[in-house]
């Protein structure tokens, strides 16, 4: 069964023309790829375009595919490079700014799916407020730290995979994650202090 095969084996089968293997890869990775792009793109309308372009680019590159890295790393590198190209073409002044605007509904949907079922409107509102606060806190991080954090926490990537996608050493990724977590802790400590002052 295709569901039992590794991503890399599926990709090799797709390289040989096995379309069901591609469908399985798409089902496994389309949501994670979209989520990754939603955090990185400065324009929400670009996310669908880049996700589609990434799958098309994967299709065109299938004859050159070599399973040297994980398939997911390979796919995310394609998407990241496409986003950088788009930024350079359409927004030269924003080429270094790979954030996301405040309206990241796909991220909220993911957080909602991951959360426990809420039984009352009050608890549902509280969960949405926590998700919005988390989104704002992550959105305020520097680009490199945000990228590393999102890839690790929301996409479940290893330090090595993140380093490969970002084209930096693993130690740099560790530092970025450490700084990101420190900034998030500071954000929540400040928010708690403000709430205590109001009480």
C-alpha atoms as a PDB file:
ATOM      1  CA  UNK A   1       0.000   0.000   0.000  1.00  0.00           C
ATOM      2  CA  UNK A   2       1.161   3.530  -0.767  1.00  0.00           C
ATOM      3  CA  UNK A   3       0.396   4.711   2.775  1.00  0.00           C
ATOM      4  CA  UNK A   4       3.112   2.374   4.089  1.00  0.00           C
ATOM      5  CA  UNK A   5       5.847   3.759   1.812  1.00  0.00           C
ATOM      6  CA  UNK A   6       8.297   6.490   2.763  1.00  0.00           C
ATOM      7  CA  UNK A   7       8.067   9.899   1.123  1.00  0.00           C
ATOM      8  CA  UNK A   8      11.313   9.291  -0.690  1.00  0.00           C
ATOM      9  CA  UNK A   9      10.122   5.957  -2.100  1.00  0.00           C
ATOM     10  CA  UNK A  10       6.890   7.584  -3.229  1.00  0.00           C
ATOM     11  CA  UNK A  11       8.817  10.358  -4.956  1.00  0.00           C
ATOM     12  CA  UNK A  12      11.024   7.830  -6.742  1.00  0.00           C
ATOM     13  CA  UNK A  13       7.899   5.997  -7.886  1.00  0.00           C
ATOM     14  CA  UNK A  14       6.443   9.288  -9.083  1.00  0.00           C
ATOM     15  CA  UNK A  15       9.665   9.923 -11.020  1.00  0.00           C
ATOM     16  CA  UNK A  16       8.869   6.667 -12.843  1.00  0.00           C
ATOM     17  CA  UNK A  17       5.376   7.918 -13.702  1.00  0.00           C
ATOM     18  CA  UNK A  18       3.331   6.567 -10.767  1.00  0.00           C
ATOM     19  CA  UNK A  19       0.602   9.236 -10.375  1.00  0.00           C
ATOM     20  CA  UNK A  20      -1.009   7.666  -7.284  1.00  0.00           C
ATOM     21  CA  UNK A  21       2.380   8.061  -5.561  1.00  0.00           C
ATOM     22  CA  UNK A  22       2.211  11.803  -6.252  1.00  0.00           C
ATOM     23  CA  UNK A  23      -1.341  11.956  -4.905  1.00  0.00           C
ATOM     24  CA  UNK A  24      -0.173  10.330  -1.668  1.00  0.00           C
ATOM     25  CA  UNK A  25       2.699  12.826  -1.338  1.00  0.00           C
ATOM     26  CA  UNK A  26       0.307  15.703  -1.939  1.00  0.00           C
ATOM     27  CA  UNK A  27      -2.101  14.439   0.710  1.00  0.00           C
ATOM     28  CA  UNK A  28       0.721  14.065   3.218  1.00  0.00           C
ATOM     29  CA  UNK A  29       2.375  17.437   2.679  1.00  0.00           C
ATOM     30  CA  UNK A  30       0.015  19.988   1.129  1.00  0.00           C
ATOM     31  CA  UNK A  31      -1.361  21.247   4.441  1.00  0.00           C
ATOM     32  CA  UNK A  32       2.047  21.558   6.117  1.00  0.00           C
ATOM     33  CA  UNK A  33       3.479  23.330   3.084  1.00  0.00           C
ATOM     34  CA  UNK A  34       0.562  25.751   3.027  1.00  0.00           C
ATOM     35  CA  UNK A  35       0.987  26.435   6.750  1.00  0.00           C
ATOM     36  CA  UNK A  36       4.719  27.064   6.286  1.00  0.00           C
ATOM     37  CA  UNK A  37       4.034  29.523   3.465  1.00  0.00           C
ATOM     38  CA  UNK A  38       1.232  31.256   5.368  1.00  0.00           C
ATOM     39  CA  UNK A  39       3.679  32.156   8.132  1.00  0.00           C
ATOM     40  CA  UNK A  40       6.363  33.312   5.698  1.00  0.00           C
ATOM     41  CA  UNK A  41       4.525  35.245   2.998  1.00  0.00           C
ATOM     42  CA  UNK A  42       4.033  39.004   3.471  1.00  0.00           C
ATOM     43  CA  UNK A  43       0.912  38.790   1.291  1.00  0.00           C
ATOM     44  CA  UNK A  44      -1.821  36.313   1.944  1.00  0.00           C
ATOM     45  CA  UNK A  45      -2.799  36.126  -1.715  1.00  0.00           C
ATOM     46  CA  UNK A  46       0.660  34.787  -2.578  1.00  0.00           C
ATOM     47  CA  UNK A  47       0.314  31.659  -0.444  1.00  0.00           C
ATOM     48  CA  UNK A  48      -1.893  29.700  -2.863  1.00  0.00           C
ATOM     49  CA  UNK A  49       0.192  30.771  -5.847  1.00  0.00           C
ATOM     50  CA  UNK A  50       3.484  29.751  -4.236  1.00  0.00           C
ATOM     51  CA  UNK A  51       2.074  26.454  -2.987  1.00  0.00           C
ATOM     52  CA  UNK A  52       0.833  25.617  -6.495  1.00  0.00           C
ATOM     53  CA  UNK A  53       4.115  26.740  -8.061  1.00  0.00           C
ATOM     54  CA  UNK A  54       6.022  24.547  -5.603  1.00  0.00           C
ATOM     55  CA  UNK A  55       4.119  21.425  -6.638  1.00  0.00           C
ATOM     56  CA  UNK A  56       4.542  22.324 -10.320  1.00  0.00           C
ATOM     57  CA  UNK A  57       8.275  22.883  -9.783  1.00  0.00           C
ATOM     58  CA  UNK A  58       8.484  19.523  -8.023  1.00  0.00           C
ATOM     59  CA  UNK A  59       6.827  17.932 -11.057  1.00  0.00           C
ATOM     60  CA  UNK A  60       9.314  19.570 -13.444  1.00  0.00           C
ATOM     61  CA  UNK A  61      12.297  18.630 -11.253  1.00  0.00           C
ATOM     62  CA  UNK A  62      11.286  14.984 -10.831  1.00  0.00           C
ATOM     63  CA  UNK A  63      13.765  13.757 -13.438  1.00  0.00           C
ATOM     64  CA  UNK A  64      16.615  15.250 -11.376  1.00  0.00           C
ATOM     65  CA  UNK A  65      15.368  14.126  -7.965  1.00  0.00           C
ATOM     66  CA  UNK A  66      17.893  12.327  -5.788  1.00  0.00           C
ATOM     67  CA  UNK A  67      16.855  11.306  -2.256  1.00  0.00           C
ATOM     68  CA  UNK A  68      19.827  12.965  -0.542  1.00  0.00           C
ATOM     69  CA  UNK A  69      17.629  14.832   1.939  1.00  0.00           C
ATOM     70  CA  UNK A  70      14.144  14.071   3.178  1.00  0.00           C
ATOM     71  CA  UNK A  71      11.387  14.690   0.661  1.00  0.00           C
ATOM     72  CA  UNK A  72       9.784  17.275   2.942  1.00  0.00           C
ATOM     73  CA  UNK A  73      13.042  19.234   3.158  1.00  0.00           C
ATOM     74  CA  UNK A  74      13.320  19.107  -0.625  1.00  0.00           C
ATOM     75  CA  UNK A  75       9.740  20.350  -1.097  1.00  0.00           C
ATOM     76  CA  UNK A  76      10.069  23.151   1.467  1.00  0.00           C
ATOM     77  CA  UNK A  77      13.314  24.331  -0.133  1.00  0.00           C
ATOM     78  CA  UNK A  78      11.491  24.629  -3.444  1.00  0.00           C
ATOM     79  CA  UNK A  79       8.720  26.664  -1.785  1.00  0.00           C
ATOM     80  CA  UNK A  80      11.130  28.871   0.154  1.00  0.00           C
ATOM     81  CA  UNK A  81      13.153  29.612  -2.984  1.00  0.00           C
ATOM     82  CA  UNK A  82       9.967  30.430  -4.927  1.00  0.00           C
ATOM     83  CA  UNK A  83       8.877  32.858  -2.212  1.00  0.00           C
ATOM     84  CA  UNK A  84      12.266  34.569  -2.215  1.00  0.00           C
ATOM     85  CA  UNK A  85      12.145  34.827  -6.030  1.00  0.00           C
ATOM     86  CA  UNK A  86       8.657  36.330  -5.879  1.00  0.00           C
ATOM     87  CA  UNK A  87       9.729  38.846  -3.262  1.00  0.00           C
ATOM     88  CA  UNK A  88      12.694  39.896  -5.364  1.00  0.00           C
ATOM     89  CA  UNK A  89      10.558  40.249  -8.498  1.00  0.00           C
ATOM     90  CA  UNK A  90       7.529  42.006  -7.061  1.00  0.00           C
ATOM     91  CA  UNK A  91       8.691  43.671  -3.872  1.00  0.00           C
ATOM     92  CA  UNK A  92      12.407  44.520  -4.038  1.00  0.00           C
ATOM     93  CA  UNK A  93      12.170  46.636  -0.889  1.00  0.00           C
ATOM     94  CA  UNK A  94      10.578  43.780   1.036  1.00  0.00           C
ATOM     95  CA  UNK A  95      12.968  41.037  -0.043  1.00  0.00           C
ATOM     96  CA  UNK A  96      14.272  40.640   3.494  1.00  0.00           C
ATOM     97  CA  UNK A  97      10.849  40.782   5.143  1.00  0.00           C
ATOM     98  CA  UNK A  98       9.308  37.320   5.054  1.00  0.00           C
ATOM     99  CA  UNK A  99       6.657  37.870   7.731  1.00  0.00           C
ATOM    100  CA  UNK A 100       2.907  37.451   7.395  1.00  0.00           C
ATOM    101  CA  UNK A 101       0.165  40.018   7.756  1.00  0.00           C
ATOM    102  CA  UNK A 102      -2.159  39.820  10.736  1.00  0.00           C
ATOM    103  CA  UNK A 103      -4.889  37.942   8.869  1.00  0.00           C
ATOM    104  CA  UNK A 104      -3.416  34.400   8.957  1.00  0.00           C
ATOM    105  CA  UNK A 105      -6.614  32.358   9.107  1.00  0.00           C
ATOM    106  CA  UNK A 106      -4.965  29.123   8.001  1.00  0.00           C
ATOM    107  CA  UNK A 107      -2.764  29.248  11.100  1.00  0.00           C
ATOM    108  CA  UNK A 108      -5.807  29.751  13.301  1.00  0.00           C
ATOM    109  CA  UNK A 109      -7.512  26.792  11.659  1.00  0.00           C
ATOM    110  CA  UNK A 110      -4.475  24.653  12.422  1.00  0.00           C
ATOM    111  CA  UNK A 111      -4.390  25.804  16.038  1.00  0.00           C
ATOM    112  CA  UNK A 112      -8.103  25.130  16.340  1.00  0.00           C
ATOM    113  CA  UNK A 113      -7.664  21.607  14.960  1.00  0.00           C
ATOM    114  CA  UNK A 114      -4.857  20.922  17.397  1.00  0.00           C
ATOM    115  CA  UNK A 115      -6.752  22.270  20.397  1.00  0.00           C
ATOM    116  CA  UNK A 116      -9.053  20.206  22.569  1.00  0.00           C
ATOM    117  CA  UNK A 117     -12.784  20.395  21.906  1.00  0.00           C
ATOM    118  CA  UNK A 118     -14.293  23.390  23.661  1.00  0.00           C
ATOM    119  CA  UNK A 119     -17.635  22.910  25.385  1.00  0.00           C
ATOM    120  CA  UNK A 120     -18.768  26.472  26.001  1.00  0.00           C
ATOM    121  CA  UNK A 121     -18.743  29.752  24.037  1.00  0.00           C
ATOM    122  CA  UNK A 122     -16.609  31.343  26.783  1.00  0.00           C
ATOM    123  CA  UNK A 123     -13.912  28.682  26.555  1.00  0.00           C
ATOM    124  CA  UNK A 124     -14.016  28.839  22.745  1.00  0.00           C
ATOM    125  CA  UNK A 125     -13.525  32.620  22.882  1.00  0.00           C
ATOM    126  CA  UNK A 126     -10.666  32.205  25.334  1.00  0.00           C
ATOM    127  CA  UNK A 127      -9.006  29.642  23.036  1.00  0.00           C
ATOM    128  CA  UNK A 128      -9.333  31.999  20.057  1.00  0.00           C
ATOM    129  CA  UNK A 129      -7.823  34.836  22.085  1.00  0.00           C
ATOM    130  CA  UNK A 130      -4.883  32.620  23.107  1.00  0.00           C
ATOM    131  CA  UNK A 131      -4.373  31.600  19.469  1.00  0.00           C
ATOM    132  CA  UNK A 132      -4.487  35.250  18.350  1.00  0.00           C
ATOM    133  CA  UNK A 133      -1.996  36.215  21.053  1.00  0.00           C
ATOM    134  CA  UNK A 134       0.340  33.372  20.066  1.00  0.00           C
ATOM    135  CA  UNK A 135       0.079  34.342  16.400  1.00  0.00           C
ATOM    136  CA  UNK A 136       0.888  37.973  17.215  1.00  0.00           C
ATOM    137  CA  UNK A 137       3.838  36.982  19.418  1.00  0.00           C
ATOM    138  CA  UNK A 138       5.318  34.691  16.763  1.00  0.00           C
ATOM    139  CA  UNK A 139       4.628  37.272  14.068  1.00  0.00           C
ATOM    140  CA  UNK A 140       6.702  39.834  15.962  1.00  0.00           C
ATOM    141  CA  UNK A 141       9.822  37.647  15.937  1.00  0.00           C
ATOM    142  CA  UNK A 142      12.676  38.401  13.532  1.00  0.00           C
ATOM    143  CA  UNK A 143      12.274  36.556  10.231  1.00  0.00           C
ATOM    144  CA  UNK A 144      14.982  33.930  10.777  1.00  0.00           C
ATOM    145  CA  UNK A 145      13.783  33.091  14.286  1.00  0.00           C
ATOM    146  CA  UNK A 146      10.157  32.878  13.167  1.00  0.00           C
ATOM    147  CA  UNK A 147      11.071  30.562  10.296  1.00  0.00           C
ATOM    148  CA  UNK A 148      13.019  28.184  12.540  1.00  0.00           C
ATOM    149  CA  UNK A 149      10.271  28.159  15.187  1.00  0.00           C
ATOM    150  CA  UNK A 150       7.456  27.534  12.705  1.00  0.00           C
ATOM    151  CA  UNK A 151       9.350  24.730  10.967  1.00  0.00           C
ATOM    152  CA  UNK A 152      10.107  23.037  14.285  1.00  0.00           C
ATOM    153  CA  UNK A 153       6.879  23.573  16.207  1.00  0.00           C
ATOM    154  CA  UNK A 154       4.216  23.601  13.490  1.00  0.00           C
ATOM    155  CA  UNK A 155       5.847  21.390  10.863  1.00  0.00           C
ATOM    156  CA  UNK A 156       7.702  18.990  13.177  1.00  0.00           C
ATOM    157  CA  UNK A 157      11.039  19.328  11.412  1.00  0.00           C
ATOM    158  CA  UNK A 158      14.341  18.323  12.960  1.00  0.00           C
ATOM    159  CA  UNK A 159      17.186  20.786  13.496  1.00  0.00           C
ATOM    160  CA  UNK A 160      19.053  19.189  10.597  1.00  0.00           C
ATOM    161  CA  UNK A 161      16.103  19.600   8.223  1.00  0.00           C
ATOM    162  CA  UNK A 162      15.636  23.234   9.225  1.00  0.00           C
ATOM    163  CA  UNK A 163      19.358  23.896   8.746  1.00  0.00           C
ATOM    164  CA  UNK A 164      19.209  22.368   5.290  1.00  0.00           C
ATOM    165  CA  UNK A 165      16.189  24.437   4.251  1.00  0.00           C
ATOM    166  CA  UNK A 166      17.687  27.646   5.671  1.00  0.00           C
ATOM    167  CA  UNK A 167      21.191  26.884   4.330  1.00  0.00           C
ATOM    168  CA  UNK A 168      22.860  27.564   7.687  1.00  0.00           C
ATOM    169  CA  UNK A 169      24.631  25.344  10.250  1.00  0.00           C
ATOM    170  CA  UNK A 170      22.624  23.439  12.866  1.00  0.00           C
ATOM    171  CA  UNK A 171      24.204  25.539  15.623  1.00  0.00           C
ATOM    172  CA  UNK A 172      22.749  28.670  14.007  1.00  0.00           C
ATOM    173  CA  UNK A 173      19.297  27.065  14.039  1.00  0.00           C
ATOM    174  CA  UNK A 174      19.725  26.188  17.717  1.00  0.00           C
ATOM    175  CA  UNK A 175      20.606  29.809  18.472  1.00  0.00           C
ATOM    176  CA  UNK A 176      17.632  31.113  16.491  1.00  0.00           C
ATOM    177  CA  UNK A 177      15.276  28.800  18.363  1.00  0.00           C
ATOM    178  CA  UNK A 178      16.785  29.733  21.719  1.00  0.00           C
ATOM    179  CA  UNK A 179      16.368  33.471  20.999  1.00  0.00           C
ATOM    180  CA  UNK A 180      12.832  32.937  19.674  1.00  0.00           C
ATOM    181  CA  UNK A 181      11.761  31.065  22.810  1.00  0.00           C
ATOM    182  CA  UNK A 182      13.359  33.708  25.021  1.00  0.00           C
ATOM    183  CA  UNK A 183      11.447  36.462  23.199  1.00  0.00           C
ATOM    184  CA  UNK A 184       8.181  34.543  23.449  1.00  0.00           C
ATOM    185  CA  UNK A 185       8.700  34.060  27.201  1.00  0.00           C
ATOM    186  CA  UNK A 186       9.401  37.795  27.568  1.00  0.00           C
ATOM    187  CA  UNK A 187       6.250  38.577  25.582  1.00  0.00           C
ATOM    188  CA  UNK A 188       4.095  36.426  27.853  1.00  0.00           C
ATOM    189  CA  UNK A 189       5.728  37.723  31.031  1.00  0.00           C
ATOM    190  CA  UNK A 190       5.017  41.309  29.925  1.00  0.00           C
ATOM    191  CA  UNK A 191       1.430  40.418  28.978  1.00  0.00           C
ATOM    192  CA  UNK A 192       0.913  38.780  32.369  1.00  0.00           C
ATOM    193  CA  UNK A 193       2.336  41.831  34.159  1.00  0.00           C
ATOM    194  CA  UNK A 194      -0.092  44.085  32.258  1.00  0.00           C
ATOM    195  CA  UNK A 195      -3.027  41.848  33.195  1.00  0.00           C
ATOM    196  CA  UNK A 196      -1.998  41.888  36.861  1.00  0.00           C
ATOM    197  CA  UNK A 197      -1.797  45.692  36.825  1.00  0.00           C
ATOM    198  CA  UNK A 198      -5.321  45.880  35.394  1.00  0.00           C
ATOM    199  CA  UNK A 199      -6.720  43.472  38.004  1.00  0.00           C
END
